[in-house]
N, C-alpha and C. Protein backbone atom coordinates (compact mmCIF):
# COMPACT_ATOMS: atom_id res chain seq x y z
N MET A 1 0.86 -1.16 0.00
CA MET A 1 0.00 0.00 0.00
C MET A 1 0.91 1.23 0.00
N PRO A 2 0.64 2.17 -0.90
CA PRO A 2 1.45 3.38 -0.93
C PRO A 2 1.27 4.19 0.35
N SER A 3 2.27 4.93 0.72
CA SER A 3 2.22 5.69 1.96
C SER A 3 1.19 6.82 1.90
N SER A 4 0.85 7.28 0.72
CA SER A 4 -0.13 8.37 0.61
C SER A 4 -1.54 7.88 0.92
N LEU A 5 -1.81 6.57 0.86
CA LEU A 5 -3.14 6.05 1.14
C LEU A 5 -3.29 5.58 2.58
N ARG A 6 -2.22 5.55 3.30
CA ARG A 6 -2.30 5.10 4.69
C ARG A 6 -3.00 6.16 5.54
N THR A 7 -3.74 5.71 6.50
CA THR A 7 -4.40 6.64 7.43
C THR A 7 -3.66 6.58 8.77
N ALA A 8 -3.80 7.64 9.49
CA ALA A 8 -3.18 7.68 10.80
C ALA A 8 -3.91 6.71 11.72
N ALA A 9 -3.22 6.27 12.73
CA ALA A 9 -3.84 5.37 13.69
C ALA A 9 -4.98 6.11 14.38
N PRO A 10 -6.04 5.40 14.68
CA PRO A 10 -7.17 6.08 15.33
C PRO A 10 -6.73 6.69 16.66
N THR A 11 -7.16 7.91 16.87
CA THR A 11 -6.83 8.59 18.13
C THR A 11 -7.98 8.42 19.10
N GLU A 12 -7.66 8.51 20.34
CA GLU A 12 -8.71 8.39 21.35
C GLU A 12 -9.56 9.65 21.35
N GLU A 13 -10.84 9.47 21.64
CA GLU A 13 -11.74 10.61 21.74
C GLU A 13 -11.37 11.42 22.97
N PRO A 14 -11.43 12.73 22.87
CA PRO A 14 -11.14 13.54 24.07
C PRO A 14 -12.23 13.31 25.12
N GLN A 15 -11.82 13.27 26.36
CA GLN A 15 -12.76 13.06 27.45
C GLN A 15 -13.52 14.35 27.73
N PRO A 16 -14.81 14.26 28.00
CA PRO A 16 -15.55 15.48 28.33
C PRO A 16 -15.06 16.06 29.65
N ALA A 17 -15.23 17.35 29.79
CA ALA A 17 -14.80 18.02 31.02
C ALA A 17 -15.62 17.49 32.19
N PRO A 18 -15.01 17.29 33.32
CA PRO A 18 -15.76 16.78 34.47
C PRO A 18 -16.75 17.82 34.98
N ARG A 19 -17.85 17.36 35.47
CA ARG A 19 -18.86 18.26 36.03
C ARG A 19 -18.39 18.74 37.40
N PRO A 20 -18.87 19.90 37.80
CA PRO A 20 -18.50 20.37 39.15
C PRO A 20 -18.97 19.38 40.20
N ALA A 21 -18.30 19.38 41.33
CA ALA A 21 -18.63 18.42 42.40
C ALA A 21 -20.05 18.62 42.91
N VAL A 22 -20.52 19.84 42.94
CA VAL A 22 -21.86 20.12 43.46
C VAL A 22 -22.73 20.65 42.32
N TYR A 23 -22.84 19.90 41.27
CA TYR A 23 -23.60 20.30 40.10
C TYR A 23 -25.06 20.52 40.48
N GLY A 24 -25.60 21.67 40.09
CA GLY A 24 -27.00 21.96 40.35
C GLY A 24 -27.26 22.70 41.65
N VAL A 25 -26.22 22.96 42.43
CA VAL A 25 -26.39 23.68 43.69
C VAL A 25 -26.04 25.15 43.43
N PRO A 26 -26.94 26.09 43.74
CA PRO A 26 -26.65 27.49 43.45
C PRO A 26 -25.52 28.02 44.33
N SER A 27 -24.78 28.96 43.78
CA SER A 27 -23.67 29.54 44.53
C SER A 27 -24.20 30.51 45.58
N PRO A 28 -23.41 30.79 46.60
CA PRO A 28 -23.83 31.77 47.61
C PRO A 28 -24.11 33.14 47.00
N ALA A 29 -23.34 33.53 45.99
CA ALA A 29 -23.56 34.83 45.35
C ALA A 29 -24.92 34.86 44.65
N LEU A 30 -25.28 33.77 44.00
CA LEU A 30 -26.58 33.71 43.33
C LEU A 30 -27.71 33.76 44.33
N LEU A 31 -27.57 33.06 45.45
CA LEU A 31 -28.60 33.10 46.49
C LEU A 31 -28.76 34.50 47.08
N ALA A 32 -27.64 35.18 47.31
CA ALA A 32 -27.70 36.54 47.86
C ALA A 32 -28.40 37.48 46.89
N ARG A 33 -28.11 37.35 45.61
CA ARG A 33 -28.74 38.20 44.60
C ARG A 33 -30.24 37.94 44.54
N ALA A 34 -30.63 36.68 44.59
CA ALA A 34 -32.06 36.34 44.57
C ALA A 34 -32.75 36.87 45.82
N HIS A 35 -32.09 36.80 46.96
CA HIS A 35 -32.67 37.29 48.20
C HIS A 35 -32.91 38.80 48.13
N ARG A 36 -31.94 39.52 47.59
CA ARG A 36 -32.11 40.98 47.45
C ARG A 36 -33.26 41.29 46.49
N GLY A 37 -33.34 40.56 45.40
CA GLY A 37 -34.42 40.79 44.44
C GLY A 37 -35.78 40.50 45.03
N TYR A 38 -35.90 39.44 45.80
CA TYR A 38 -37.17 39.09 46.42
C TYR A 38 -37.54 40.13 47.47
N ALA A 39 -36.56 40.63 48.20
CA ALA A 39 -36.83 41.68 49.19
C ALA A 39 -37.35 42.94 48.51
N ARG A 40 -36.76 43.29 47.37
CA ARG A 40 -37.25 44.46 46.62
C ARG A 40 -38.67 44.22 46.15
N PHE A 41 -38.97 43.02 45.68
CA PHE A 41 -40.31 42.68 45.22
C PHE A 41 -41.31 42.82 46.36
N LEU A 42 -40.98 42.29 47.54
CA LEU A 42 -41.90 42.39 48.67
C LEU A 42 -42.08 43.84 49.10
N ASP A 43 -41.02 44.63 49.08
CA ASP A 43 -41.11 46.03 49.44
C ASP A 43 -42.02 46.77 48.46
N HIS A 44 -41.87 46.49 47.18
CA HIS A 44 -42.70 47.13 46.16
C HIS A 44 -44.17 46.73 46.34
N GLU A 45 -44.41 45.47 46.62
CA GLU A 45 -45.78 45.00 46.82
C GLU A 45 -46.41 45.67 48.03
N SER A 46 -45.67 45.81 49.13
CA SER A 46 -46.24 46.41 50.33
C SER A 46 -46.52 47.90 50.10
N GLU A 47 -45.69 48.57 49.31
CA GLU A 47 -45.94 49.98 49.00
C GLU A 47 -47.19 50.12 48.15
N SER A 48 -47.37 49.26 47.15
CA SER A 48 -48.53 49.38 46.28
C SER A 48 -49.82 49.04 47.01
N VAL A 49 -49.78 48.12 47.96
CA VAL A 49 -50.98 47.80 48.74
C VAL A 49 -51.37 49.01 49.57
N GLY A 50 -50.42 49.67 50.20
CA GLY A 50 -50.70 50.86 50.98
C GLY A 50 -51.28 51.97 50.13
N GLN A 51 -50.79 52.13 48.92
CA GLN A 51 -51.30 53.15 48.02
C GLN A 51 -52.74 52.84 47.63
N ASP A 52 -53.05 51.58 47.39
CA ASP A 52 -54.41 51.20 47.02
C ASP A 52 -55.38 51.50 48.16
N ASP A 53 -54.96 51.21 49.39
CA ASP A 53 -55.83 51.46 50.54
C ASP A 53 -56.08 52.95 50.72
N ARG A 54 -55.04 53.77 50.57
CA ARG A 54 -55.22 55.22 50.71
C ARG A 54 -56.14 55.75 49.62
N ALA A 55 -55.98 55.27 48.40
CA ALA A 55 -56.83 55.73 47.29
C ALA A 55 -58.28 55.31 47.52
N ALA A 56 -58.49 54.14 48.05
CA ALA A 56 -59.84 53.66 48.31
C ALA A 56 -60.51 54.50 49.39
N ARG A 57 -59.76 54.89 50.42
CA ARG A 57 -60.33 55.73 51.48
C ARG A 57 -60.71 57.10 50.95
N ARG A 58 -59.93 57.64 50.05
CA ARG A 58 -60.24 58.97 49.49
C ARG A 58 -61.51 58.93 48.66
N THR A 59 -61.72 57.84 47.93
CA THR A 59 -62.89 57.76 47.05
C THR A 59 -64.09 57.17 47.77
N GLY A 60 -63.91 56.69 48.98
CA GLY A 60 -65.01 56.13 49.74
C GLY A 60 -65.35 54.70 49.36
N THR A 61 -64.41 54.02 48.73
CA THR A 61 -64.66 52.63 48.34
C THR A 61 -63.78 51.69 49.13
N ALA A 62 -63.55 51.99 50.39
CA ALA A 62 -62.68 51.14 51.22
C ALA A 62 -63.25 49.74 51.31
N ARG A 63 -62.37 48.78 51.34
CA ARG A 63 -62.82 47.38 51.38
C ARG A 63 -63.23 46.96 52.74
């Protein structure tokens, strides 16, 4: 067989990168960010509820 028709020996497939040891567990930074966002959401909700109550009292449609 001529050398131009020879193929290289099969090489091994590269191994996939290992998964992190705690795959699927959120980082502390992500939890802190979510906590701050949820606190802002609750603060916004409590402000809007208070505004609705004040508006209802002014118009005489208090619940």
